[in-house]
Amino acid sequence: MSRRAGAAAVAPAQESPGSKLTRISVDGKDVDPKLFSPVRCKLDEDDGRKVLEVDFGIDDDHAGSATVKRKGDAYVVEGNPVEDDSNRTIALSVEFTCAN
């Protein structure tokens, strides 16, 4: 999960072909995935390890505490980020497919 600083000066991410947000829930309630689209997936390398970089419009301050699971052809990311406006911890679950 990531967000780029100075987003106004950077062109919006283009959706990777074959990548799609399929489900988002906040505190157990489904949210329209279009609110966080497009999703961009990229297979990359970090210190010799293959990693999957994913951008889908969610801040990455709490990405280190998130879990990632494989569900068939999809990935499920779950975590407990803090809302910017209220400082309230929320339960977040995001399911997406990735062309890579």
C-alpha atoms as a PDB file:
ATOM      1  CA  MET A   1       0.000   0.000   0.000  1.00  0.00           C
ATOM      2  CA  SER A   2       1.435   3.314  -0.845  1.00  0.00           C
ATOM      3  CA  ARG A   3       0.731   6.913  -1.569  1.00  0.00           C
ATOM      4  CA  ARG A   4       3.187   9.286  -3.164  1.00  0.00           C
ATOM      5  CA  ALA A   5       3.977  12.659  -1.589  1.00  0.00           C
ATOM      6  CA  GLY A   6       3.120  15.624  -3.764  1.00  0.00           C
ATOM      7  CA  ALA A   7       0.405  13.677  -5.547  1.00  0.00           C
ATOM      8  CA  ALA A   8      -0.833  16.832  -7.277  1.00  0.00           C
ATOM      9  CA  ALA A   9       2.426  17.009  -9.210  1.00  0.00           C
ATOM     10  CA  VAL A  10       2.434  13.304 -10.141  1.00  0.00           C
ATOM     11  CA  ALA A  11       0.186  11.734 -12.766  1.00  0.00           C
ATOM     12  CA  PRO A  12      -2.305   9.269 -11.244  1.00  0.00           C
ATOM     13  CA  ALA A  13      -1.318   5.604 -11.325  1.00  0.00           C
ATOM     14  CA  GLN A  14      -2.634   3.689 -14.279  1.00  0.00           C
ATOM     15  CA  GLU A  15      -4.361   0.398 -13.596  1.00  0.00           C
ATOM     16  CA  SER A  16      -2.207  -2.589 -14.457  1.00  0.00           C
ATOM     17  CA  PRO A  17      -3.890  -4.758 -17.090  1.00  0.00           C
ATOM     18  CA  GLY A  18      -5.486  -7.738 -15.336  1.00  0.00           C
ATOM     19  CA  SER A  19      -5.279  -6.056 -11.907  1.00  0.00           C
ATOM     20  CA  LYS A  20      -8.505  -5.251 -10.096  1.00  0.00           C
ATOM     21  CA  LEU A  21      -9.781  -4.409  -6.625  1.00  0.00           C
ATOM     22  CA  THR A  22     -12.497  -6.967  -5.967  1.00  0.00           C
ATOM     23  CA  ARG A  23     -13.481  -6.237  -2.352  1.00  0.00           C
ATOM     24  CA  ILE A  24     -12.794  -3.680   0.370  1.00  0.00           C
ATOM     25  CA  SER A  25     -14.298  -3.747   3.843  1.00  0.00           C
ATOM     26  CA  VAL A  26     -13.915  -1.247   6.667  1.00  0.00           C
ATOM     27  CA  ASP A  27     -14.963  -2.386  10.138  1.00  0.00           C
ATOM     28  CA  GLY A  28     -16.750  -5.347   8.532  1.00  0.00           C
ATOM     29  CA  LYS A  29     -18.780  -3.236   6.081  1.00  0.00           C
ATOM     30  CA  ASP A  30     -18.180  -3.455   2.338  1.00  0.00           C
ATOM     31  CA  VAL A  31     -16.995  -0.282   0.574  1.00  0.00           C
ATOM     32  CA  ASP A  32     -17.254   0.434  -3.161  1.00  0.00           C
ATOM     33  CA  PRO A  33     -13.846  -0.621  -4.632  1.00  0.00           C
ATOM     34  CA  LYS A  34     -14.136   2.174  -7.213  1.00  0.00           C
ATOM     35  CA  LEU A  35     -13.326   4.634  -4.413  1.00  0.00           C
ATOM     36  CA  PHE A  36      -9.783   3.201  -4.234  1.00  0.00           C
ATOM     37  CA  SER A  37      -9.191   2.377  -7.898  1.00  0.00           C
ATOM     38  CA  PRO A  38      -7.119   2.084  -9.935  1.00  0.00           C
ATOM     39  CA  VAL A  39      -4.895  -0.667  -8.568  1.00  0.00           C
ATOM     40  CA  ARG A  40      -1.331  -0.983  -9.812  1.00  0.00           C
ATOM     41  CA  CYS A  41       0.728  -4.129  -9.260  1.00  0.00           C
ATOM     42  CA  LYS A  42       4.380  -4.543 -10.080  1.00  0.00           C
ATOM     43  CA  LEU A  43       6.722  -7.455  -9.473  1.00  0.00           C
ATOM     44  CA  ASP A  44       9.991  -5.988  -8.197  1.00  0.00           C
ATOM     45  CA  GLU A  45      13.105  -6.971  -6.298  1.00  0.00           C
ATOM     46  CA  ASP A  46      14.376  -5.833  -2.885  1.00  0.00           C
ATOM     47  CA  ASP A  47      17.820  -7.007  -1.739  1.00  0.00           C
ATOM     48  CA  GLY A  48      17.593  -9.992  -4.071  1.00  0.00           C
ATOM     49  CA  ARG A  49      14.092 -11.018  -2.932  1.00  0.00           C
ATOM     50  CA  LYS A  50      11.106 -10.815  -5.237  1.00  0.00           C
ATOM     51  CA  VAL A  51       8.426  -8.496  -3.857  1.00  0.00           C
ATOM     52  CA  LEU A  52       5.021  -7.426  -5.075  1.00  0.00           C
ATOM     53  CA  GLU A  53       4.462  -3.653  -4.981  1.00  0.00           C
ATOM     54  CA  VAL A  54       0.823  -2.614  -4.898  1.00  0.00           C
ATOM     55  CA  ASP A  55      -0.729   0.864  -5.055  1.00  0.00           C
ATOM     56  CA  PHE A  56      -4.461   1.321  -4.537  1.00  0.00           C
ATOM     57  CA  GLY A  57      -5.045   4.729  -2.999  1.00  0.00           C
ATOM     58  CA  ILE A  58      -4.517   3.820   0.686  1.00  0.00           C
ATOM     59  CA  ASP A  59      -1.886   5.460   2.875  1.00  0.00           C
ATOM     60  CA  ASP A  60       1.084   3.231   3.706  1.00  0.00           C
ATOM     61  CA  ASP A  61       1.875   4.469   7.249  1.00  0.00           C
ATOM     62  CA  HIS A  62       0.600   1.182   8.727  1.00  0.00           C
ATOM     63  CA  ALA A  63       1.562  -1.195   5.927  1.00  0.00           C
ATOM     64  CA  GLY A  64       4.174  -2.926   8.088  1.00  0.00           C
ATOM     65  CA  SER A  65       1.494  -4.283  10.422  1.00  0.00           C
ATOM     66  CA  ALA A  66      -0.705  -5.616   7.603  1.00  0.00           C
ATOM     67  CA  THR A  67      -0.925  -9.285   6.671  1.00  0.00           C
ATOM     68  CA  VAL A  68      -1.029 -10.546   3.089  1.00  0.00           C
ATOM     69  CA  LYS A  69      -2.633 -13.860   2.158  1.00  0.00           C
ATOM     70  CA  ARG A  70      -3.137 -15.626  -1.153  1.00  0.00           C
ATOM     71  CA  LYS A  71      -6.737 -16.634  -1.986  1.00  0.00           C
ATOM     72  CA  GLY A  72      -6.712 -18.493  -5.314  1.00  0.00           C
ATOM     73  CA  ASP A  73      -5.717 -15.904  -7.930  1.00  0.00           C
ATOM     74  CA  ALA A  74      -6.329 -13.033  -5.511  1.00  0.00           C
ATOM     75  CA  TYR A  75      -4.443 -11.418  -2.649  1.00  0.00           C
ATOM     76  CA  VAL A  76      -6.055 -10.345   0.627  1.00  0.00           C
ATOM     77  CA  VAL A  77      -4.441  -7.594   2.707  1.00  0.00           C
ATOM     78  CA  GLU A  78      -5.746  -7.100   6.233  1.00  0.00           C
ATOM     79  CA  GLY A  79      -4.664  -4.562   8.821  1.00  0.00           C
ATOM     80  CA  ASN A  80      -5.712  -2.015  11.399  1.00  0.00           C
ATOM     81  CA  PRO A  81      -4.748   1.471  10.180  1.00  0.00           C
ATOM     82  CA  VAL A  82      -5.666   4.659  12.020  1.00  0.00           C
ATOM     83  CA  GLU A  83      -8.130   7.072  10.401  1.00  0.00           C
ATOM     84  CA  ASP A  84      -6.487  10.415   9.650  1.00  0.00           C
ATOM     85  CA  ASP A  85      -9.439  12.559  10.718  1.00  0.00           C
ATOM     86  CA  SER A  86     -10.473  10.836  13.942  1.00  0.00           C
ATOM     87  CA  ASN A  87      -7.367   8.862  15.012  1.00  0.00           C
ATOM     88  CA  ARG A  88      -9.719   5.869  15.352  1.00  0.00           C
ATOM     89  CA  THR A  89      -8.308   2.415  14.567  1.00  0.00           C
ATOM     90  CA  ILE A  90     -10.302   0.622  11.871  1.00  0.00           C
ATOM     91  CA  ALA A  91     -10.323  -2.966  10.632  1.00  0.00           C
ATOM     92  CA  LEU A  92      -9.431  -2.926   6.925  1.00  0.00           C
ATOM     93  CA  SER A  93      -9.568  -5.813   4.460  1.00  0.00           C
ATOM     94  CA  VAL A  94      -8.703  -5.422   0.771  1.00  0.00           C
ATOM     95  CA  GLU A  95      -8.925  -8.168  -1.852  1.00  0.00           C
ATOM     96  CA  PHE A  96      -7.442  -7.724  -5.309  1.00  0.00           C
ATOM     97  CA  THR A  97      -6.121  -9.575  -8.323  1.00  0.00           C
ATOM     98  CA  CYS A  98      -2.771  -8.765  -9.820  1.00  0.00           C
ATOM     99  CA  ALA A  99      -1.614  -9.415 -13.370  1.00  0.00           C
ATOM    100  CA  ASN A 100       1.872 -10.209 -12.092  1.00  0.00           C
END
